[in-house]
Amino acid sequence: MNIKSLATIVGIMLVLAVPVGWWPYGYYILLRWVVSISAVIIANGFYKSGLKGWMLVFGAVAFLFNPIVPIYLSKETWVLIDFVSAILFFISAYSIKRK
């Protein structure tokens, strides 16, 4: 799977998570794993492309969504984070350039 497809799929998963209460708690746990692993992969792609600022942004996303040491925030805050993260993933789908 290429990075463009990965970023698009994760962006869709994040948009689907925005309406709070539609999904069981397990979806949000799965989302944490998928987003954090994908953010690390995309950060690595940005590193290889020489875009260090974007690499740091996706490193922060990976840290925020990490499932090992979760960060607990209110539902309203997570809705905003999910929405902003989805936009970042959609933008990243078209920003990574191969050397």
PDB file of N, CA and C in Angstrom:
ATOM      1  N   MET A   1       0.852  -1.173   0.000  1.00  0.00           N
ATOM      2  CA  MET A   1       0.000   0.000   0.000  1.00  0.00           C
ATOM      3  C   MET A   1       0.899   1.238   0.000  1.00  0.00           C
ATOM      4  N   ASN A   2       0.606   2.150  -0.882  1.00  0.00           N
ATOM      5  CA  ASN A   2       1.419   3.364  -0.925  1.00  0.00           C
ATOM      6  C   ASN A   2       0.925   4.381   0.107  1.00  0.00           C
ATOM      7  N   ILE A   3       1.737   5.398   0.319  1.00  0.00           N
ATOM      8  CA  ILE A   3       1.444   6.385   1.368  1.00  0.00           C
ATOM      9  C   ILE A   3       0.192   7.188   1.046  1.00  0.00           C
ATOM     10  N   LYS A   4      -0.038   7.469  -0.229  1.00  0.00           N
ATOM     11  CA  LYS A   4      -1.228   8.232  -0.613  1.00  0.00           C
ATOM     12  C   LYS A   4      -2.502   7.485  -0.209  1.00  0.00           C
ATOM     13  N   SER A   5      -2.558   6.188  -0.504  1.00  0.00           N
ATOM     14  CA  SER A   5      -3.731   5.383  -0.139  1.00  0.00           C
ATOM     15  C   SER A   5      -3.876   5.281   1.372  1.00  0.00           C
ATOM     16  N   LEU A   6      -2.760   5.060   2.056  1.00  0.00           N
ATOM     17  CA  LEU A   6      -2.788   4.955   3.514  1.00  0.00           C
ATOM     18  C   LEU A   6      -3.324   6.230   4.141  1.00  0.00           C
ATOM     19  N   ALA A   7      -2.809   7.364   3.708  1.00  0.00           N
ATOM     20  CA  ALA A   7      -3.247   8.644   4.271  1.00  0.00           C
ATOM     21  C   ALA A   7      -4.729   8.892   3.991  1.00  0.00           C
ATOM     22  N   THR A   8      -5.197   8.520   2.811  1.00  0.00           N
ATOM     23  CA  THR A   8      -6.611   8.710   2.469  1.00  0.00           C
ATOM     24  C   THR A   8      -7.514   7.828   3.329  1.00  0.00           C
ATOM     25  N   ILE A   9      -7.129   6.574   3.511  1.00  0.00           N
ATOM     26  CA  ILE A   9      -7.933   5.647   4.323  1.00  0.00           C
ATOM     27  C   ILE A   9      -7.993   6.122   5.775  1.00  0.00           C
ATOM     28  N   VAL A  10      -6.855   6.532   6.317  1.00  0.00           N
ATOM     29  CA  VAL A  10      -6.828   7.016   7.710  1.00  0.00           C
ATOM     30  C   VAL A  10      -7.635   8.298   7.845  1.00  0.00           C
ATOM     31  N   GLY A  11      -7.551   9.182   6.854  1.00  0.00           N
ATOM     32  CA  GLY A  11      -8.357  10.404   6.876  1.00  0.00           C
ATOM     33  C   GLY A  11      -9.843  10.097   6.906  1.00  0.00           C
ATOM     34  N   ILE A  12     -10.263   9.115   6.123  1.00  0.00           N
ATOM     35  CA  ILE A  12     -11.675   8.709   6.118  1.00  0.00           C
ATOM     36  C   ILE A  12     -12.071   8.140   7.470  1.00  0.00           C
ATOM     37  N   MET A  13     -11.199   7.300   8.048  1.00  0.00           N
ATOM     38  CA  MET A  13     -11.499   6.729   9.369  1.00  0.00           C
ATOM     39  C   MET A  13     -11.654   7.841  10.418  1.00  0.00           C
ATOM     40  N   LEU A  14     -10.826   8.866  10.329  1.00  0.00           N
ATOM     41  CA  LEU A  14     -10.917   9.980  11.280  1.00  0.00           C
ATOM     42  C   LEU A  14     -12.191  10.791  11.077  1.00  0.00           C
ATOM     43  N   VAL A  15     -12.579  11.007   9.835  1.00  0.00           N
ATOM     44  CA  VAL A  15     -13.831  11.738   9.571  1.00  0.00           C
ATOM     45  C   VAL A  15     -15.015  10.942  10.106  1.00  0.00           C
ATOM     46  N   LEU A  16     -14.983   9.624   9.945  1.00  0.00           N
ATOM     47  CA  LEU A  16     -16.070   8.786  10.464  1.00  0.00           C
ATOM     48  C   LEU A  16     -16.135   8.803  11.988  1.00  0.00           C
ATOM     49  N   ALA A  17     -15.024   9.111  12.640  1.00  0.00           N
ATOM     50  CA  ALA A  17     -14.999   9.139  14.111  1.00  0.00           C
ATOM     51  C   ALA A  17     -15.549  10.441  14.673  1.00  0.00           C
ATOM     52  N   VAL A  18     -15.719  11.462  13.832  1.00  0.00           N
ATOM     53  CA  VAL A  18     -16.151  12.775  14.325  1.00  0.00           C
ATOM     54  C   VAL A  18     -17.544  12.744  14.960  1.00  0.00           C
ATOM     55  N   PRO A  19     -18.551  12.104  14.337  1.00  0.00           N
ATOM     56  CA  PRO A  19     -19.855  12.065  15.032  1.00  0.00           C
ATOM     57  C   PRO A  19     -19.775  11.167  16.271  1.00  0.00           C
ATOM     58  N   VAL A  20     -19.664  11.775  17.423  1.00  0.00           N
ATOM     59  CA  VAL A  20     -19.483  11.034  18.674  1.00  0.00           C
ATOM     60  C   VAL A  20     -20.720  10.205  18.978  1.00  0.00           C
ATOM     61  N   GLY A  21     -20.473   8.972  19.395  1.00  0.00           N
ATOM     62  CA  GLY A  21     -21.560   8.102  19.807  1.00  0.00           C
ATOM     63  C   GLY A  21     -22.023   7.109  18.753  1.00  0.00           C
ATOM     64  N   TRP A  22     -21.530   7.231  17.545  1.00  0.00           N
ATOM     65  CA  TRP A  22     -21.941   6.297  16.490  1.00  0.00           C
ATOM     66  C   TRP A  22     -21.244   4.957  16.592  1.00  0.00           C
ATOM     67  N   TRP A  23     -20.042   4.964  17.111  1.00  0.00           N
ATOM     68  CA  TRP A  23     -19.215   3.769  17.107  1.00  0.00           C
ATOM     69  C   TRP A  23     -19.020   3.241  18.525  1.00  0.00           C
ATOM     70  N   PRO A  24     -18.815   1.927  18.639  1.00  0.00           N
ATOM     71  CA  PRO A  24     -18.470   1.387  19.961  1.00  0.00           C
ATOM     72  C   PRO A  24     -17.055   1.822  20.346  1.00  0.00           C
ATOM     73  N   TYR A  25     -16.740   1.695  21.612  1.00  0.00           N
ATOM     74  CA  TYR A  25     -15.447   2.125  22.125  1.00  0.00           C
ATOM     75  C   TYR A  25     -14.293   1.437  21.410  1.00  0.00           C
ATOM     76  N   GLY A  26     -14.498   0.190  20.980  1.00  0.00           N
ATOM     77  CA  GLY A  26     -13.461  -0.560  20.271  1.00  0.00           C
ATOM     78  C   GLY A  26     -13.002   0.122  18.989  1.00  0.00           C
ATOM     79  N   TYR A  27     -13.907   0.851  18.321  1.00  0.00           N
ATOM     80  CA  TYR A  27     -13.520   1.568  17.101  1.00  0.00           C
ATOM     81  C   TYR A  27     -12.477   2.635  17.422  1.00  0.00           C
ATOM     82  N   TYR A  28     -12.649   3.313  18.535  1.00  0.00           N
ATOM     83  CA  TYR A  28     -11.725   4.379  18.898  1.00  0.00           C
ATOM     84  C   TYR A  28     -10.365   3.816  19.331  1.00  0.00           C
ATOM     85  N   ILE A  29     -10.374   2.640  19.933  1.00  0.00           N
ATOM     86  CA  ILE A  29      -9.113   1.970  20.266  1.00  0.00           C
ATOM     87  C   ILE A  29      -8.395   1.576  18.973  1.00  0.00           C
ATOM     88  N   LEU A  30      -9.142   0.964  18.035  1.00  0.00           N
ATOM     89  CA  LEU A  30      -8.565   0.615  16.733  1.00  0.00           C
ATOM     90  C   LEU A  30      -8.052   1.865  16.025  1.00  0.00           C
ATOM     91  N   LEU A  31      -8.807   2.943  16.105  1.00  0.00           N
ATOM     92  CA  LEU A  31      -8.419   4.197  15.476  1.00  0.00           C
ATOM     93  C   LEU A  31      -7.090   4.704  16.035  1.00  0.00           C
ATOM     94  N   ARG A  32      -6.907   4.613  17.341  1.00  0.00           N
ATOM     95  CA  ARG A  32      -5.634   5.029  17.951  1.00  0.00           C
ATOM     96  C   ARG A  32      -4.465   4.255  17.347  1.00  0.00           C
ATOM     97  N   TRP A  33      -4.612   2.927  17.236  1.00  0.00           N
ATOM     98  CA  TRP A  33      -3.546   2.097  16.677  1.00  0.00           C
ATOM     99  C   TRP A  33      -3.278   2.459  15.217  1.00  0.00           C
ATOM    100  N   VAL A  34      -4.332   2.546  14.429  1.00  0.00           N
ATOM    101  CA  VAL A  34      -4.185   2.815  12.992  1.00  0.00           C
ATOM    102  C   VAL A  34      -3.574   4.187  12.759  1.00  0.00           C
ATOM    103  N   VAL A  35      -4.075   5.194  13.460  1.00  0.00           N
ATOM    104  CA  VAL A  35      -3.580   6.561  13.255  1.00  0.00           C
ATOM    105  C   VAL A  35      -2.131   6.679  13.714  1.00  0.00           C
ATOM    106  N   SER A  36      -1.793   6.119  14.862  1.00  0.00           N
ATOM    107  CA  SER A  36      -0.424   6.275  15.354  1.00  0.00           C
ATOM    108  C   SER A  36       0.583   5.555  14.459  1.00  0.00           C
ATOM    109  N   ILE A  37       0.271   4.346  14.040  1.00  0.00           N
ATOM    110  CA  ILE A  37       1.186   3.608  13.153  1.00  0.00           C
ATOM    111  C   ILE A  37       1.287   4.310  11.801  1.00  0.00           C
ATOM    112  N   SER A  38       0.160   4.740  11.264  1.00  0.00           N
ATOM    113  CA  SER A  38       0.161   5.438   9.974  1.00  0.00           C
ATOM    114  C   SER A  38       0.908   6.761  10.056  1.00  0.00           C
ATOM    115  N   ALA A  39       0.761   7.480  11.158  1.00  0.00           N
ATOM    116  CA  ALA A  39       1.462   8.754  11.319  1.00  0.00           C
ATOM    117  C   ALA A  39       2.970   8.539  11.343  1.00  0.00           C
ATOM    118  N   VAL A  40       3.430   7.462  11.957  1.00  0.00           N
ATOM    119  CA  VAL A  40       4.865   7.162  11.960  1.00  0.00           C
ATOM    120  C   VAL A  40       5.345   6.849  10.544  1.00  0.00           C
ATOM    121  N   ILE A  41       4.565   6.064   9.809  1.00  0.00           N
ATOM    122  CA  ILE A  41       4.929   5.728   8.426  1.00  0.00           C
ATOM    123  C   ILE A  41       4.980   6.989   7.567  1.00  0.00           C
ATOM    124  N   ILE A  42       3.989   7.850   7.706  1.00  0.00           N
ATOM    125  CA  ILE A  42       3.946   9.083   6.913  1.00  0.00           C
ATOM    126  C   ILE A  42       5.049  10.046   7.342  1.00  0.00           C
ATOM    127  N   ALA A  43       5.332  10.132   8.642  1.00  0.00           N
ATOM    128  CA  ALA A  43       6.446  10.972   9.109  1.00  0.00           C
ATOM    129  C   ALA A  43       7.754  10.486   8.499  1.00  0.00           C
ATOM    130  N   ASN A  44       7.931   9.185   8.409  1.00  0.00           N
ATOM    131  CA  ASN A  44       9.124   8.625   7.779  1.00  0.00           C
ATOM    132  C   ASN A  44       9.184   9.011   6.298  1.00  0.00           C
ATOM    133  N   GLY A  45       8.049   8.983   5.620  1.00  0.00           N
ATOM    134  CA  GLY A  45       8.001   9.406   4.221  1.00  0.00           C
ATOM    135  C   GLY A  45       8.374  10.867   4.054  1.00  0.00           C
ATOM    136  N   PHE A  46       7.897  11.711   4.955  1.00  0.00           N
ATOM    137  CA  PHE A  46       8.263  13.131   4.902  1.00  0.00           C
ATOM    138  C   PHE A  46       9.747  13.322   5.208  1.00  0.00           C
ATOM    139  N   TYR A  47      10.284  12.522   6.118  1.00  0.00           N
ATOM    140  CA  TYR A  47      11.709  12.599   6.422  1.00  0.00           C
ATOM    141  C   TYR A  47      12.535  12.278   5.180  1.00  0.00           C
ATOM    142  N   LYS A  48      12.152  11.217   4.491  1.00  0.00           N
ATOM    143  CA  LYS A  48      12.861  10.827   3.268  1.00  0.00           C
ATOM    144  C   LYS A  48      12.697  11.866   2.162  1.00  0.00           C
ATOM    145  N   SER A  49      11.603  12.596   2.184  1.00  0.00           N
ATOM    146  CA  SER A  49      11.368  13.645   1.186  1.00  0.00           C
ATOM    147  C   SER A  49      12.069  14.954   1.532  1.00  0.00           C
ATOM    148  N   GLY A  50      12.599  15.032   2.733  1.00  0.00           N
ATOM    149  CA  GLY A  50      13.284  16.251   3.154  1.00  0.00           C
ATOM    150  C   GLY A  50      12.359  17.305   3.731  1.00  0.00           C
ATOM    151  N   LEU A  51      11.118  16.944   4.014  1.00  0.00           N
ATOM    152  CA  LEU A  51      10.149  17.897   4.584  1.00  0.00           C
ATOM    153  C   LEU A  51      10.084  17.688   6.096  1.00  0.00           C
ATOM    154  N   LYS A  52      11.050  18.252   6.785  1.00  0.00           N
ATOM    155  CA  LYS A  52      11.202  18.006   8.228  1.00  0.00           C
ATOM    156  C   LYS A  52      10.064  18.601   9.069  1.00  0.00           C
ATOM    157  N   GLY A  53       9.505  19.726   8.646  1.00  0.00           N
ATOM    158  CA  GLY A  53       8.391  20.315   9.382  1.00  0.00           C
ATOM    159  C   GLY A  53       7.182  19.395   9.402  1.00  0.00           C
ATOM    160  N   TRP A  54       6.845  18.833   8.243  1.00  0.00           N
ATOM    161  CA  TRP A  54       5.736  17.883   8.173  1.00  0.00           C
ATOM    162  C   TRP A  54       6.056  16.614   8.956  1.00  0.00           C
ATOM    163  N   MET A  55       7.321  16.228   8.972  1.00  0.00           N
ATOM    164  CA  MET A  55       7.712  15.062   9.756  1.00  0.00           C
ATOM    165  C   MET A  55       7.410  15.299  11.235  1.00  0.00           C
ATOM    166  N   LEU A  56       7.718  16.501  11.732  1.00  0.00           N
ATOM    167  CA  LEU A  56       7.442  16.822  13.133  1.00  0.00           C
ATOM    168  C   LEU A  56       5.945  16.864  13.424  1.00  0.00           C
ATOM    169  N   VAL A  57       5.158  17.375  12.482  1.00  0.00           N
ATOM    170  CA  VAL A  57       3.703  17.418  12.660  1.00  0.00           C
ATOM    171  C   VAL A  57       3.156  16.000  12.818  1.00  0.00           C
ATOM    172  N   PHE A  58       3.582  15.092  11.957  1.00  0.00           N
ATOM    173  CA  PHE A  58       3.061  13.726  12.036  1.00  0.00           C
ATOM    174  C   PHE A  58       3.667  12.946  13.201  1.00  0.00           C
ATOM    175  N   GLY A  59       4.846  13.345  13.653  1.00  0.00           N
ATOM    176  CA  GLY A  59       5.374  12.782  14.895  1.00  0.00           C
ATOM    177  C   GLY A  59       4.501  13.174  16.075  1.00  0.00           C
ATOM    178  N   ALA A  60       4.029  14.424  16.066  1.00  0.00           N
ATOM    179  CA  ALA A  60       3.130  14.892  17.132  1.00  0.00           C
ATOM    180  C   ALA A  60       1.784  14.160  17.061  1.00  0.00           C
ATOM    181  N   VAL A  61       1.288  13.920  15.851  1.00  0.00           N
ATOM    182  CA  VAL A  61       0.031  13.172  15.695  1.00  0.00           C
ATOM    183  C   VAL A  61       0.206  11.751  16.239  1.00  0.00           C
ATOM    184  N   ALA A  62       1.331  11.126  15.914  1.00  0.00           N
ATOM    185  CA  ALA A  62       1.602   9.777  16.418  1.00  0.00           C
ATOM    186  C   ALA A  62       1.651   9.763  17.943  1.00  0.00           C
ATOM    187  N   PHE A  63       2.279  10.781  18.528  1.00  0.00           N
ATOM    188  CA  PHE A  63       2.357  10.880  19.986  1.00  0.00           C
ATOM    189  C   PHE A  63       0.975  11.079  20.602  1.00  0.00           C
ATOM    190  N   LEU A  64       0.166  11.927  19.994  1.00  0.00           N
ATOM    191  CA  LEU A  64      -1.155  12.241  20.521  1.00  0.00           C
ATOM    192  C   LEU A  64      -2.085  11.026  20.483  1.00  0.00           C
ATOM    193  N   PHE A  65      -1.994  10.233  19.419  1.00  0.00           N
ATOM    194  CA  PHE A  65      -2.877   9.084  19.265  1.00  0.00           C
ATOM    195  C   PHE A  65      -2.280   7.782  19.789  1.00  0.00           C
ATOM    196  N   ASN A  66      -1.098   7.821  20.384  1.00  0.00           N
ATOM    197  CA  ASN A  66      -0.436   6.578  20.769  1.00  0.00           C
ATOM    198  C   ASN A  66      -1.302   5.756  21.717  1.00  0.00           C
ATOM    199  N   PRO A  67      -1.426   4.454  21.451  1.00  0.00           N
ATOM    200  CA  PRO A  67      -2.273   3.607  22.287  1.00  0.00           C
ATOM    201  C   PRO A  67      -1.551   3.025  23.498  1.00  0.00           C
ATOM    202  N   ILE A  68      -0.241   3.132  23.541  1.00  0.00           N
ATOM    203  CA  ILE A  68       0.521   2.544  24.648  1.00  0.00           C
ATOM    204  C   ILE A  68       0.374   3.388  25.913  1.00  0.00           C
ATOM    205  N   VAL A  69       0.573   4.693  25.779  1.00  0.00           N
ATOM    206  CA  VAL A  69       0.386   5.634  26.888  1.00  0.00           C
ATOM    207  C   VAL A  69      -0.643   6.648  26.411  1.00  0.00           C
ATOM    208  N   PRO A  70      -1.935   6.294  26.501  1.00  0.00           N
ATOM    209  CA  PRO A  70      -2.967   7.167  25.932  1.00  0.00           C
ATOM    210  C   PRO A  70      -3.096   8.501  26.659  1.00  0.00           C
ATOM    211  N   ILE A  71      -3.470   9.484  25.867  1.00  0.00           N
ATOM    212  CA  ILE A  71      -3.749  10.818  26.398  1.00  0.00           C
ATOM    213  C   ILE A  71      -5.268  10.939  26.492  1.00  0.00           C
ATOM    214  N   TYR A  72      -5.767  11.244  27.677  1.00  0.00           N
ATOM    215  CA  TYR A  72      -7.206  11.334  27.891  1.00  0.00           C
ATOM    216  C   TYR A  72      -7.654  12.784  27.828  1.00  0.00           C
ATOM    217  N   LEU A  73      -8.566  13.062  26.902  1.00  0.00           N
ATOM    218  CA  LEU A  73      -9.131  14.396  26.726  1.00  0.00           C
ATOM    219  C   LEU A  73     -10.651  14.269  26.644  1.00  0.00           C
ATOM    220  N   SER A  74     -11.352  15.389  26.685  1.00  0.00           N
ATOM    221  CA  SER A  74     -12.810  15.356  26.583  1.00  0.00           C
ATOM    222  C   SER A  74     -13.236  14.969  25.165  1.00  0.00           C
ATOM    223  N   LYS A  75     -14.468  14.522  25.038  1.00  0.00           N
ATOM    224  CA  LYS A  75     -14.987  14.128  23.722  1.00  0.00           C
ATOM    225  C   LYS A  75     -14.975  15.298  22.742  1.00  0.00           C
ATOM    226  N   GLU A  76     -15.310  16.476  23.238  1.00  0.00           N
ATOM    227  CA  GLU A  76     -15.328  17.655  22.371  1.00  0.00           C
ATOM    228  C   GLU A  76     -13.936  17.972  21.830  1.00  0.00           C
ATOM    229  N   THR A  77     -12.935  17.802  22.674  1.00  0.00           N
ATOM    230  CA  THR A  77     -11.558  18.041  22.247  1.00  0.00           C
ATOM    231  C   THR A  77     -11.140  17.008  21.210  1.00  0.00           C
ATOM    232  N   TRP A  78     -11.521  15.739  21.431  1.00  0.00           N
ATOM    233  CA  TRP A  78     -11.153  14.694  20.472  1.00  0.00           C
ATOM    234  C   TRP A  78     -11.843  14.890  19.136  1.00  0.00           C
ATOM    235  N   VAL A  79     -13.062  15.421  19.137  1.00  0.00           N
ATOM    236  CA  VAL A  79     -13.749  15.698  17.870  1.00  0.00           C
ATOM    237  C   VAL A  79     -12.928  16.696  17.058  1.00  0.00           C
ATOM    238  N   LEU A  80     -12.467  17.755  17.700  1.00  0.00           N
ATOM    239  CA  LEU A  80     -11.641  18.750  17.018  1.00  0.00           C
ATOM    240  C   LEU A  80     -10.317  18.135  16.542  1.00  0.00           C
ATOM    241  N   ILE A  81      -9.671  17.358  17.398  1.00  0.00           N
ATOM    242  CA  ILE A  81      -8.401  16.718  17.030  1.00  0.00           C
ATOM    243  C   ILE A  81      -8.601  15.753  15.876  1.00  0.00           C
ATOM    244  N   ASP A  82      -9.676  14.958  15.921  1.00  0.00           N
ATOM    245  CA  ASP A  82      -9.958  14.025  14.821  1.00  0.00           C
ATOM    246  C   ASP A  82     -10.158  14.764  13.506  1.00  0.00           C
ATOM    247  N   PHE A  83     -10.896  15.857  13.547  1.00  0.00           N
ATOM    248  CA  PHE A  83     -11.172  16.622  12.326  1.00  0.00           C
ATOM    249  C   PHE A  83      -9.900  17.244  11.753  1.00  0.00           C
ATOM    250  N   VAL A  84      -9.103  17.877  12.616  1.00  0.00           N
ATOM    251  CA  VAL A  84      -7.857  18.499  12.167  1.00  0.00           C
ATOM    252  C   VAL A  84      -6.887  17.434  11.660  1.00  0.00           C
ATOM    253  N   SER A  85      -6.813  16.311  12.356  1.00  0.00           N
ATOM    254  CA  SER A  85      -5.928  15.222  11.929  1.00  0.00           C
ATOM    255  C   SER A  85      -6.364  14.655  10.583  1.00  0.00           C
ATOM    256  N   ALA A  86      -7.668  14.537  10.371  1.00  0.00           N
ATOM    257  CA  ALA A  86      -8.166  14.057   9.077  1.00  0.00           C
ATOM    258  C   ALA A  86      -7.718  14.988   7.957  1.00  0.00           C
ATOM    259  N   ILE A  87      -7.819  16.287   8.185  1.00  0.00           N
ATOM    260  CA  ILE A  87      -7.374  17.254   7.176  1.00  0.00           C
ATOM    261  C   ILE A  87      -5.877  17.090   6.914  1.00  0.00           C
ATOM    262  N   LEU A  88      -5.094  16.915   7.977  1.00  0.00           N
ATOM    263  CA  LEU A  88      -3.654  16.710   7.809  1.00  0.00           C
ATOM    264  C   LEU A  88      -3.350  15.461   6.989  1.00  0.00           C
ATOM    265  N   PHE A  89      -4.075  14.385   7.257  1.00  0.00           N
ATOM    266  CA  PHE A  89      -3.843  13.152   6.497  1.00  0.00           C
ATOM    267  C   PHE A  89      -4.236  13.336   5.036  1.00  0.00           C
ATOM    268  N   PHE A  90      -5.338  14.026   4.771  1.00  0.00           N
ATOM    269  CA  PHE A  90      -5.737  14.263   3.378  1.00  0.00           C
ATOM    270  C   PHE A  90      -4.710  15.135   2.657  1.00  0.00           C
ATOM    271  N   ILE A  91      -4.202  16.164   3.332  1.00  0.00           N
ATOM    272  CA  ILE A  91      -3.176  17.022   2.723  1.00  0.00           C
ATOM    273  C   ILE A  91      -1.896  16.220   2.474  1.00  0.00           C
ATOM    274  N   SER A  92      -1.537  15.369   3.425  1.00  0.00           N
ATOM    275  CA  SER A  92      -0.298  14.603   3.278  1.00  0.00           C
ATOM    276  C   SER A  92      -0.355  13.619   2.111  1.00  0.00           C
ATOM    277  N   ALA A  93      -1.555  13.196   1.752  1.00  0.00           N
ATOM    278  CA  ALA A  93      -1.682  12.260   0.640  1.00  0.00           C
ATOM    279  C   ALA A  93      -1.126  12.847  -0.647  1.00  0.00           C
ATOM    280  N   TYR A  94      -1.125  14.163  -0.735  1.00  0.00           N
ATOM    281  CA  TYR A  94      -0.661  14.822  -1.959  1.00  0.00           C
ATOM    282  C   TYR A  94       0.625  15.615  -1.758  1.00  0.00           C
ATOM    283  N   SER A  95       1.212  15.548  -0.561  1.00  0.00           N
ATOM    284  CA  SER A  95       2.382  16.373  -0.265  1.00  0.00           C
ATOM    285  C   SER A  95       3.703  15.627  -0.309  1.00  0.00           C
ATOM    286  N   ILE A  96       3.672  14.312  -0.106  1.00  0.00           N
ATOM    287  CA  ILE A  96       4.920  13.553  -0.046  1.00  0.00           C
ATOM    288  C   ILE A  96       5.448  13.341  -1.455  1.00  0.00           C
ATOM    289  N   LYS A  97       6.692  13.698  -1.645  1.00  0.00           N
ATOM    290  CA  LYS A  97       7.347  13.503  -2.933  1.00  0.00           C
ATOM    291  C   LYS A  97       8.466  12.481  -2.759  1.00  0.00           C
ATOM    292  N   ARG A  98       8.604  11.628  -3.702  1.00  0.00           N
ATOM    293  CA  ARG A  98       9.683  10.643  -3.691  1.00  0.00           C
ATOM    294  C   ARG A  98      10.956  11.249  -4.244  1.00  0.00           C
ATOM    295  N   LYS A  99      12.091  10.871  -3.660  1.00  0.00           N
ATOM    296  CA  LYS A  99      13.373  11.334  -4.195  1.00  0.00           C
ATOM    297  C   LYS A  99      13.779  10.453  -5.359  1.00  0.00           C
TER     298      LYS A  99
END
